[in-house]
PDB file of N, CA and C in Angstrom:
ATOM      1  N   MET A   1      36.144 100.991  24.587  1.00  0.00           N
ATOM      2  CA  MET A   1      36.494  99.648  24.988  1.00  0.00           C
ATOM      3  C   MET A   1      35.654  99.257  26.197  1.00  0.00           C
ATOM      4  N   SER A   2      35.324  98.012  26.300  1.00  0.00           N
ATOM      5  CA  SER A   2      34.530  97.589  27.441  1.00  0.00           C
ATOM      6  C   SER A   2      35.396  97.502  28.692  1.00  0.00           C
ATOM      7  N   LEU A   3      34.746  97.575  29.823  1.00  0.00           N
ATOM      8  CA  LEU A   3      35.453  97.509  31.098  1.00  0.00           C
ATOM      9  C   LEU A   3      36.189  96.184  31.250  1.00  0.00           C
ATOM     10  N   TYR A   4      35.576  95.111  30.769  1.00  0.00           N
ATOM     11  CA  TYR A   4      36.196  93.781  30.820  1.00  0.00           C
ATOM     12  C   TYR A   4      37.557  93.785  30.117  1.00  0.00           C
ATOM     13  N   VAL A   5      37.614  94.353  28.940  1.00  0.00           N
ATOM     14  CA  VAL A   5      38.860  94.411  28.168  1.00  0.00           C
ATOM     15  C   VAL A   5      39.879  95.298  28.883  1.00  0.00           C
ATOM     16  N   ARG A   6      39.434  96.430  29.388  1.00  0.00           N
ATOM     17  CA  ARG A   6      40.360  97.352  30.060  1.00  0.00           C
ATOM     18  C   ARG A   6      40.984  96.721  31.306  1.00  0.00           C
ATOM     19  N   ILE A   7      40.192  95.997  32.085  1.00  0.00           N
ATOM     20  CA  ILE A   7      40.718  95.342  33.292  1.00  0.00           C
ATOM     21  C   ILE A   7      41.739  94.286  32.909  1.00  0.00           C
ATOM     22  N   HIS A   8      41.481  93.553  31.863  1.00  0.00           N
ATOM     23  CA  HIS A   8      42.426  92.518  31.453  1.00  0.00           C
ATOM     24  C   HIS A   8      43.696  93.107  30.835  1.00  0.00           C
ATOM     25  N   ILE A   9      43.613  94.255  30.227  1.00  0.00           N
ATOM     26  CA  ILE A   9      44.823  94.947  29.760  1.00  0.00           C
ATOM     27  C   ILE A   9      45.666  95.352  30.966  1.00  0.00           C
ATOM     28  N   LEU A  10      45.018  95.854  32.008  1.00  0.00           N
ATOM     29  CA  LEU A  10      45.739  96.199  33.237  1.00  0.00           C
ATOM     30  C   LEU A  10      46.413  94.970  33.838  1.00  0.00           C
ATOM     31  N   LEU A  11      45.720  93.851  33.781  1.00  0.00           N
ATOM     32  CA  LEU A  11      46.280  92.606  34.301  1.00  0.00           C
ATOM     33  C   LEU A  11      47.521  92.183  33.518  1.00  0.00           C
ATOM     34  N   VAL A  12      47.521  92.402  32.215  1.00  0.00           N
ATOM     35  CA  VAL A  12      48.698  92.096  31.393  1.00  0.00           C
ATOM     36  C   VAL A  12      49.874  92.973  31.805  1.00  0.00           C
ATOM     37  N   TYR A  13      49.637  94.262  32.023  1.00  0.00           N
ATOM     38  CA  TYR A  13      50.710  95.149  32.496  1.00  0.00           C
ATOM     39  C   TYR A  13      51.244  94.679  33.844  1.00  0.00           C
ATOM     40  N   PHE A  14      50.351  94.246  34.715  1.00  0.00           N
ATOM     41  CA  PHE A  14      50.767  93.738  36.020  1.00  0.00           C
ATOM     42  C   PHE A  14      51.632  92.491  35.869  1.00  0.00           C
ATOM     43  N   GLU A  15      51.181  91.546  35.055  1.00  0.00           N
ATOM     44  CA  GLU A  15      51.910  90.288  34.857  1.00  0.00           C
ATOM     45  C   GLU A  15      53.288  90.534  34.239  1.00  0.00           C
ATOM     46  N   ASN A  16      53.387  91.547  33.389  1.00  0.00           N
ATOM     47  CA  ASN A  16      54.663  91.873  32.741  1.00  0.00           C
ATOM     48  C   ASN A  16      55.524  92.821  33.571  1.00  0.00           C
ATOM     49  N   LYS A  17      55.054  93.146  34.764  1.00  0.00           N
ATOM     50  CA  LYS A  17      55.779  94.026  35.692  1.00  0.00           C
ATOM     51  C   LYS A  17      56.054  95.414  35.100  1.00  0.00           C
ATOM     52  N   ASN A  18      55.131  95.865  34.274  1.00  0.00           N
ATOM     53  CA  ASN A  18      55.230  97.198  33.692  1.00  0.00           C
ATOM     54  C   ASN A  18      54.406  98.145  34.573  1.00  0.00           C
ATOM     55  N   TYR A  19      54.967  98.470  35.742  1.00  0.00           N
ATOM     56  CA  TYR A  19      54.230  99.208  36.763  1.00  0.00           C
ATOM     57  C   TYR A  19      53.948 100.651  36.368  1.00  0.00           C
ATOM     58  N   PHE A  20      54.860 101.282  35.669  1.00  0.00           N
ATOM     59  CA  PHE A  20      54.631 102.654  35.215  1.00  0.00           C
ATOM     60  C   PHE A  20      53.400 102.702  34.318  1.00  0.00           C
ATOM     61  N   ARG A  21      53.345 101.800  33.356  1.00  0.00           N
ATOM     62  CA  ARG A  21      52.226 101.762  32.405  1.00  0.00           C
ATOM     63  C   ARG A  21      50.924 101.347  33.104  1.00  0.00           C
ATOM     64  N   LEU A  22      51.025 100.449  34.072  1.00  0.00           N
ATOM     65  CA  LEU A  22      49.850 100.023  34.833  1.00  0.00           C
ATOM     66  C   LEU A  22      49.226 101.214  35.562  1.00  0.00           C
ATOM     67  N   ALA A  23      50.045 102.002  36.238  1.00  0.00           N
ATOM     68  CA  ALA A  23      49.541 103.181  36.954  1.00  0.00           C
ATOM     69  C   ALA A  23      48.953 104.197  35.977  1.00  0.00           C
ATOM     70  N   LYS A  24      49.639 104.408  34.858  1.00  0.00           N
ATOM     71  CA  LYS A  24      49.182 105.384  33.866  1.00  0.00           C
ATOM     72  C   LYS A  24      47.831 104.972  33.276  1.00  0.00           C
ATOM     73  N   GLU A  25      47.715 103.717  32.870  1.00  0.00           N
ATOM     74  CA  GLU A  25      46.477 103.238  32.256  1.00  0.00           C
ATOM     75  C   GLU A  25      45.323 103.198  33.258  1.00  0.00           C
ATOM     76  N   THR A  26      45.625 102.862  34.502  1.00  0.00           N
ATOM     77  CA  THR A  26      44.581 102.845  35.526  1.00  0.00           C
ATOM     78  C   THR A  26      44.048 104.251  35.749  1.00  0.00           C
ATOM     79  N   ASN A  27      44.942 105.215  35.874  1.00  0.00           N
ATOM     80  CA  ASN A  27      44.509 106.600  36.047  1.00  0.00           C
ATOM     81  C   ASN A  27      43.758 107.111  34.830  1.00  0.00           C
ATOM     82  N   GLU A  28      44.177 106.696  33.649  1.00  0.00           N
ATOM     83  CA  GLU A  28      43.475 107.093  32.425  1.00  0.00           C
ATOM     84  C   GLU A  28      42.062 106.520  32.409  1.00  0.00           C
ATOM     85  N   LEU A  29      41.932 105.270  32.811  1.00  0.00           N
ATOM     86  CA  LEU A  29      40.613 104.637  32.881  1.00  0.00           C
ATOM     87  C   LEU A  29      39.709 105.396  33.855  1.00  0.00           C
ATOM     88  N   LEU A  30      40.265 105.791  34.973  1.00  0.00           N
ATOM     89  CA  LEU A  30      39.492 106.536  35.966  1.00  0.00           C
ATOM     90  C   LEU A  30      39.060 107.899  35.444  1.00  0.00           C
ATOM     91  N   THR A  31      39.987 108.635  34.860  1.00  0.00           N
ATOM     92  CA  THR A  31      39.673 110.003  34.443  1.00  0.00           C
ATOM     93  C   THR A  31      38.853 110.075  33.161  1.00  0.00           C
ATOM     94  N   LYS A  32      39.100 109.193  32.231  1.00  0.00           N
ATOM     95  CA  LYS A  32      38.413 109.298  30.940  1.00  0.00           C
ATOM     96  C   LYS A  32      37.115 108.515  30.875  1.00  0.00           C
ATOM     97  N   GLU A  33      36.957 107.524  31.736  1.00  0.00           N
ATOM     98  CA  GLU A  33      35.750 106.715  31.610  1.00  0.00           C
ATOM     99  C   GLU A  33      34.884 106.726  32.868  1.00  0.00           C
ATOM    100  N   PHE A  34      35.465 106.538  34.025  1.00  0.00           N
ATOM    101  CA  PHE A  34      34.659 106.502  35.240  1.00  0.00           C
ATOM    102  C   PHE A  34      34.153 107.877  35.630  1.00  0.00           C
ATOM    103  N   TYR A  35      34.986 108.891  35.553  1.00  0.00           N
ATOM    104  CA  TYR A  35      34.555 110.216  35.959  1.00  0.00           C
ATOM    105  C   TYR A  35      33.624 110.857  34.940  1.00  0.00           C
ATOM    106  N   LYS A  36      33.519 110.292  33.776  1.00  0.00           N
ATOM    107  CA  LYS A  36      32.562 110.774  32.779  1.00  0.00           C
ATOM    108  C   LYS A  36      31.318 109.889  32.754  1.00  0.00           C
ATOM    109  N   ASP A  37      31.200 109.029  33.765  1.00  0.00           N
ATOM    110  CA  ASP A  37      30.038 108.144  33.936  1.00  0.00           C
ATOM    111  C   ASP A  37      29.766 107.256  32.728  1.00  0.00           C
ATOM    112  N   LYS A  38      30.809 106.762  32.109  1.00  0.00           N
ATOM    113  CA  LYS A  38      30.626 105.840  30.999  1.00  0.00           C
ATOM    114  C   LYS A  38      30.034 104.523  31.492  1.00  0.00           C
ATOM    115  N   TYR A  39      30.422 104.137  32.692  1.00  0.00           N
ATOM    116  CA  TYR A  39      29.922 102.887  33.260  1.00  0.00           C
ATOM    117  C   TYR A  39      28.970 103.210  34.406  1.00  0.00           C
ATOM    118  N   GLU A  40      27.760 102.665  34.325  1.00  0.00           N
ATOM    119  CA  GLU A  40      26.792 102.879  35.390  1.00  0.00           C
ATOM    120  C   GLU A  40      26.350 101.568  36.016  1.00  0.00           C
ATOM    121  N   TYR A  41      26.301 100.517  35.210  1.00  0.00           N
ATOM    122  CA  TYR A  41      25.792  99.232  35.671  1.00  0.00           C
ATOM    123  C   TYR A  41      26.813  98.130  35.398  1.00  0.00           C
ATOM    124  N   ILE A  42      26.728  97.096  36.230  1.00  0.00           N
ATOM    125  CA  ILE A  42      27.622  95.956  36.071  1.00  0.00           C
ATOM    126  C   ILE A  42      26.916  94.727  36.647  1.00  0.00           C
ATOM    127  N   SER A  43      27.196  93.579  36.095  1.00  0.00           N
ATOM    128  CA  SER A  43      26.591  92.364  36.659  1.00  0.00           C
ATOM    129  C   SER A  43      27.266  92.030  37.982  1.00  0.00           C
ATOM    130  N   LYS A  44      26.548  91.338  38.833  1.00  0.00           N
ATOM    131  CA  LYS A  44      27.080  90.977  40.151  1.00  0.00           C
ATOM    132  C   LYS A  44      28.324  90.094  40.005  1.00  0.00           C
ATOM    133  N   ALA A  45      28.287  89.165  39.052  1.00  0.00           N
ATOM    134  CA  ALA A  45      29.423  88.253  38.839  1.00  0.00           C
ATOM    135  C   ALA A  45      30.663  89.009  38.366  1.00  0.00           C
ATOM    136  N   TRP A  46      30.492  89.930  37.423  1.00  0.00           N
ATOM    137  CA  TRP A  46      31.641  90.689  36.925  1.00  0.00           C
ATOM    138  C   TRP A  46      32.193  91.598  38.011  1.00  0.00           C
ATOM    139  N   LYS A  47      31.320  92.192  38.781  1.00  0.00           N
ATOM    140  CA  LYS A  47      31.745  93.062  39.872  1.00  0.00           C
ATOM    141  C   LYS A  47      32.615  92.274  40.851  1.00  0.00           C
ATOM    142  N   SER A  48      32.170  91.091  41.184  1.00  0.00           N
ATOM    143  CA  SER A  48      32.933  90.223  42.087  1.00  0.00           C
ATOM    144  C   SER A  48      34.265  89.806  41.473  1.00  0.00           C
ATOM    145  N   ASP A  49      34.231  89.422  40.200  1.00  0.00           N
ATOM    146  CA  ASP A  49      35.459  89.005  39.508  1.00  0.00           C
ATOM    147  C   ASP A  49      36.474  90.147  39.431  1.00  0.00           C
ATOM    148  N   PHE A  50      36.023  91.329  39.052  1.00  0.00           N
ATOM    149  CA  PHE A  50      36.932  92.478  38.948  1.00  0.00           C
ATOM    150  C   PHE A  50      37.517  92.831  40.307  1.00  0.00           C
ATOM    151  N   ASP A  51      36.691  92.753  41.346  1.00  0.00           N
ATOM    152  CA  ASP A  51      37.170  93.041  42.697  1.00  0.00           C
ATOM    153  C   ASP A  51      38.267  92.050  43.098  1.00  0.00           C
ATOM    154  N   LYS A  52      38.059  90.782  42.790  1.00  0.00           N
ATOM    155  CA  LYS A  52      39.061  89.756  43.119  1.00  0.00           C
ATOM    156  C   LYS A  52      40.356  89.975  42.343  1.00  0.00           C
ATOM    157  N   ILE A  53      40.240  90.284  41.067  1.00  0.00           N
ATOM    158  CA  ILE A  53      41.428  90.512  40.239  1.00  0.00           C
ATOM    159  C   ILE A  53      42.216  91.707  40.766  1.00  0.00           C
ATOM    160  N   ILE A  54      41.513  92.795  41.028  1.00  0.00           N
ATOM    161  CA  ILE A  54      42.200  94.015  41.457  1.00  0.00           C
ATOM    162  C   ILE A  54      42.765  93.863  42.863  1.00  0.00           C
ATOM    163  N   ARG A  55      41.930  93.408  43.803  1.00  0.00           N
ATOM    164  CA  ARG A  55      42.373  93.365  45.198  1.00  0.00           C
ATOM    165  C   ARG A  55      43.305  92.208  45.489  1.00  0.00           C
ATOM    166  N   HIS A  56      42.869  90.993  45.156  1.00  0.00           N
ATOM    167  CA  HIS A  56      43.637  89.813  45.560  1.00  0.00           C
ATOM    168  C   HIS A  56      44.842  89.531  44.678  1.00  0.00           C
ATOM    169  N   LYS A  57      44.746  89.859  43.440  1.00  0.00           N
ATOM    170  CA  LYS A  57      45.863  89.560  42.545  1.00  0.00           C
ATOM    171  C   LYS A  57      46.816  90.752  42.431  1.00  0.00           C
ATOM    172  N   MET A  58      46.299  91.878  41.972  1.00  0.00           N
ATOM    173  CA  MET A  58      47.186  93.001  41.678  1.00  0.00           C
ATOM    174  C   MET A  58      47.629  93.767  42.930  1.00  0.00           C
ATOM    175  N   ILE A  59      46.696  94.249  43.730  1.00  0.00           N
ATOM    176  CA  ILE A  59      47.091  95.049  44.895  1.00  0.00           C
ATOM    177  C   ILE A  59      47.916  94.219  45.873  1.00  0.00           C
ATOM    178  N   ASP A  60      47.437  93.022  46.209  1.00  0.00           N
ATOM    179  CA  ASP A  60      48.199  92.175  47.134  1.00  0.00           C
ATOM    180  C   ASP A  60      49.568  91.818  46.568  1.00  0.00           C
ATOM    181  N   GLY A  61      49.641  91.558  45.276  1.00  0.00           N
ATOM    182  CA  GLY A  61      50.921  91.242  44.635  1.00  0.00           C
ATOM    183  C   GLY A  61      51.889  92.411  44.667  1.00  0.00           C
ATOM    184  N   LEU A  62      51.368  93.595  44.448  1.00  0.00           N
ATOM    185  CA  LEU A  62      52.218  94.789  44.484  1.00  0.00           C
ATOM    186  C   LEU A  62      52.695  95.090  45.899  1.00  0.00           C
ATOM    187  N   GLU A  63      51.810  94.952  46.869  1.00  0.00           N
ATOM    188  CA  GLU A  63      52.182  95.242  48.251  1.00  0.00           C
ATOM    189  C   GLU A  63      53.174  94.223  48.803  1.00  0.00           C
ATOM    190  N   THR A  64      53.060  92.995  48.371  1.00  0.00           N
ATOM    191  CA  THR A  64      53.946  91.942  48.867  1.00  0.00           C
ATOM    192  C   THR A  64      55.400  92.193  48.502  1.00  0.00           C
ATOM    193  N   GLY A  65      55.672  92.604  47.280  1.00  0.00           N
ATOM    194  CA  GLY A  65      57.042  92.766  46.833  1.00  0.00           C
ATOM    195  C   GLY A  65      57.607  94.165  46.923  1.00  0.00           C
ATOM    196  N   ILE A  66      56.843  95.096  47.471  1.00  0.00           N
ATOM    197  CA  ILE A  66      57.269  96.498  47.435  1.00  0.00           C
ATOM    198  C   ILE A  66      58.545  96.749  48.243  1.00  0.00           C
ATOM    199  N   GLU A  67      58.744  96.047  49.324  1.00  0.00           N
ATOM    200  CA  GLU A  67      59.935  96.249  50.163  1.00  0.00           C
ATOM    201  C   GLU A  67      61.207  95.741  49.493  1.00  0.00           C
ATOM    202  N   PHE A  68      61.071  94.737  48.647  1.00  0.00           N
ATOM    203  CA  PHE A  68      62.237  94.133  48.021  1.00  0.00           C
ATOM    204  C   PHE A  68      62.583  94.758  46.673  1.00  0.00           C
ATOM    205  N   ASP A  69      61.642  95.466  46.092  1.00  0.00           N
ATOM    206  CA  ASP A  69      61.837  96.048  44.765  1.00  0.00           C
ATOM    207  C   ASP A  69      62.057  97.554  44.899  1.00  0.00           C
ATOM    208  N   LYS A  70      63.224  97.921  45.374  1.00  0.00           N
ATOM    209  CA  LYS A  70      63.526  99.338  45.622  1.00  0.00           C
ATOM    210  C   LYS A  70      63.551 100.156  44.325  1.00  0.00           C
ATOM    211  N   GLU A  71      63.932  99.514  43.230  1.00  0.00           N
ATOM    212  CA  GLU A  71      64.039 100.211  41.942  1.00  0.00           C
ATOM    213  C   GLU A  71      62.680 100.699  41.445  1.00  0.00           C
ATOM    214  N   ASN A  72      61.643  99.903  41.661  1.00  0.00           N
ATOM    215  CA  ASN A  72      60.305 100.248  41.173  1.00  0.00           C
ATOM    216  C   ASN A  72      59.350 100.652  42.293  1.00  0.00           C
ATOM    217  N   LYS A  73      59.866 101.016  43.446  1.00  0.00           N
ATOM    218  CA  LYS A  73      59.026 101.298  44.605  1.00  0.00           C
ATOM    219  C   LYS A  73      58.008 102.400  44.324  1.00  0.00           C
ATOM    220  N   LYS A  74      58.424 103.501  43.735  1.00  0.00           N
ATOM    221  CA  LYS A  74      57.521 104.622  43.443  1.00  0.00           C
ATOM    222  C   LYS A  74      56.427 104.212  42.464  1.00  0.00           C
ATOM    223  N   ASP A  75      56.799 103.495  41.405  1.00  0.00           N
ATOM    224  CA  ASP A  75      55.800 103.035  40.437  1.00  0.00           C
ATOM    225  C   ASP A  75      54.811 102.065  41.086  1.00  0.00           C
ATOM    226  N   ARG A  76      55.305 101.193  41.944  1.00  0.00           N
ATOM    227  CA  ARG A  76      54.424 100.254  42.643  1.00  0.00           C
ATOM    228  C   ARG A  76      53.453 101.004  43.549  1.00  0.00           C
ATOM    229  N   GLU A  77      53.947 102.004  44.264  1.00  0.00           N
ATOM    230  CA  GLU A  77      53.076 102.795  45.141  1.00  0.00           C
ATOM    231  C   GLU A  77      52.011 103.519  44.332  1.00  0.00           C
ATOM    232  N   ASP A  78      52.392 104.068  43.179  1.00  0.00           N
ATOM    233  CA  ASP A  78      51.429 104.730  42.298  1.00  0.00           C
ATOM    234  C   ASP A  78      50.370 103.745  41.811  1.00  0.00           C
ATOM    235  N   CYS A  79      50.798 102.530  41.483  1.00  0.00           N
ATOM    236  CA  CYS A  79      49.859 101.494  41.034  1.00  0.00           C
ATOM    237  C   CYS A  79      48.864 101.145  42.126  1.00  0.00           C
ATOM    238  N   ILE A  80      49.370 100.960  43.324  1.00  0.00           N
ATOM    239  CA  ILE A  80      48.496 100.593  44.444  1.00  0.00           C
ATOM    240  C   ILE A  80      47.450 101.673  44.679  1.00  0.00           C
ATOM    241  N   GLU A  81      47.879 102.911  44.686  1.00  0.00           N
ATOM    242  CA  GLU A  81      46.954 104.028  44.892  1.00  0.00           C
ATOM    243  C   GLU A  81      45.894 104.076  43.784  1.00  0.00           C
ATOM    244  N   ALA A  82      46.311 103.956  42.540  1.00  0.00           N
ATOM    245  CA  ALA A  82      45.380 104.011  41.409  1.00  0.00           C
ATOM    246  C   ALA A  82      44.434 102.815  41.418  1.00  0.00           C
ATOM    247  N   LEU A  83      44.955 101.635  41.718  1.00  0.00           N
ATOM    248  CA  LEU A  83      44.107 100.440  41.734  1.00  0.00           C
ATOM    249  C   LEU A  83      43.078 100.490  42.854  1.00  0.00           C
ATOM    250  N   LYS A  84      43.437 101.055  43.983  1.00  0.00           N
ATOM    251  CA  LYS A  84      42.469 101.189  45.075  1.00  0.00           C
ATOM    252  C   LYS A  84      41.336 102.137  44.677  1.00  0.00           C
ATOM    253  N   LYS A  85      41.668 103.202  43.973  1.00  0.00           N
ATOM    254  CA  LYS A  85      40.640 104.119  43.475  1.00  0.00           C
ATOM    255  C   LYS A  85      39.735 103.411  42.468  1.00  0.00           C
ATOM    256  N   LEU A  86      40.346 102.637  41.577  1.00  0.00           N
ATOM    257  CA  LEU A  86      39.575 101.900  40.580  1.00  0.00           C
ATOM    258  C   LEU A  86      38.651 100.889  41.256  1.00  0.00           C
ATOM    259  N   GLN A  87      39.153 100.205  42.249  1.00  0.00           N
ATOM    260  CA  GLN A  87      38.345  99.231  42.975  1.00  0.00           C
ATOM    261  C   GLN A  87      37.118  99.908  43.599  1.00  0.00           C
ATOM    262  N   LYS A  88      37.307 101.072  44.202  1.00  0.00           N
ATOM    263  CA  LYS A  88      36.188 101.802  44.790  1.00  0.00           C
ATOM    264  C   LYS A  88      35.156 102.181  43.734  1.00  0.00           C
ATOM    265  N   GLU A  89      35.636 102.619  42.576  1.00  0.00           N
ATOM    266  CA  GLU A  89      34.724 103.009  41.503  1.00  0.00           C
ATOM    267  C   GLU A  89      33.932 101.810  40.987  1.00  0.00           C
ATOM    268  N   ILE A  90      34.570 100.679  40.867  1.00  0.00           N
ATOM    269  CA  ILE A  90      33.867  99.478  40.404  1.00  0.00           C
ATOM    270  C   ILE A  90      32.838  99.031  41.435  1.00  0.00           C
ATOM    271  N   LEU A  91      33.189  99.081  42.705  1.00  0.00           N
ATOM    272  CA  LEU A  91      32.268  98.657  43.754  1.00  0.00           C
ATOM    273  C   LEU A  91      31.067  99.589  43.889  1.00  0.00           C
ATOM    274  N   ARG A  92      31.207 100.815  43.436  1.00  0.00           N
ATOM    275  CA  ARG A  92      30.086 101.756  43.529  1.00  0.00           C
ATOM    276  C   ARG A  92      29.075 101.588  42.366  1.00  0.00           C
ATOM    277  N   LEU A  93      29.462 100.876  41.313  1.00  0.00           N
ATOM    278  CA  LEU A  93      28.550 100.661  40.184  1.00  0.00           C
ATOM    279  C   LEU A  93      27.323  99.862  40.629  1.00  0.00           C
ATOM    280  N   ARG A  94      26.183 100.185  40.058  1.00  0.00           N
ATOM    281  CA  ARG A  94      24.950  99.471  40.379  1.00  0.00           C
ATOM    282  C   ARG A  94      24.923  98.125  39.684  1.00  0.00           C
ATOM    283  N   GLU A  95      24.399  97.147  40.400  1.00  0.00           N
ATOM    284  CA  GLU A  95      24.323  95.789  39.847  1.00  0.00           C
ATOM    285  C   GLU A  95      23.027  95.612  39.069  1.00  0.00           C
ATOM    286  N   VAL A  96      23.129  94.855  37.986  1.00  0.00           N
ATOM    287  CA  VAL A  96      21.947  94.522  37.182  1.00  0.00           C
ATOM    288  C   VAL A  96      21.677  93.050  37.260  1.00  0.00           C
TER     289      VAL A  96
END
């Protein structure tokens, strides 16, 4: 699957508040695709877009509600940690 599709699947999990699945899929993306160097290059526009989606939408959204959502606190923390790792991996890709 392309990185574009995978990021948007993660966004769907985020929008549906399925934090367990979001953390699981993010970690799977990291271990099965990024650590095996499936992605080496990315366009500057996509890199910027993915960074905005991950940082401004998902991470900020998760951090904002974490104090009030005691039931899903652990899953939210796992998501934040995984998304920050994913963001670093995307930012390290070379631009074409």
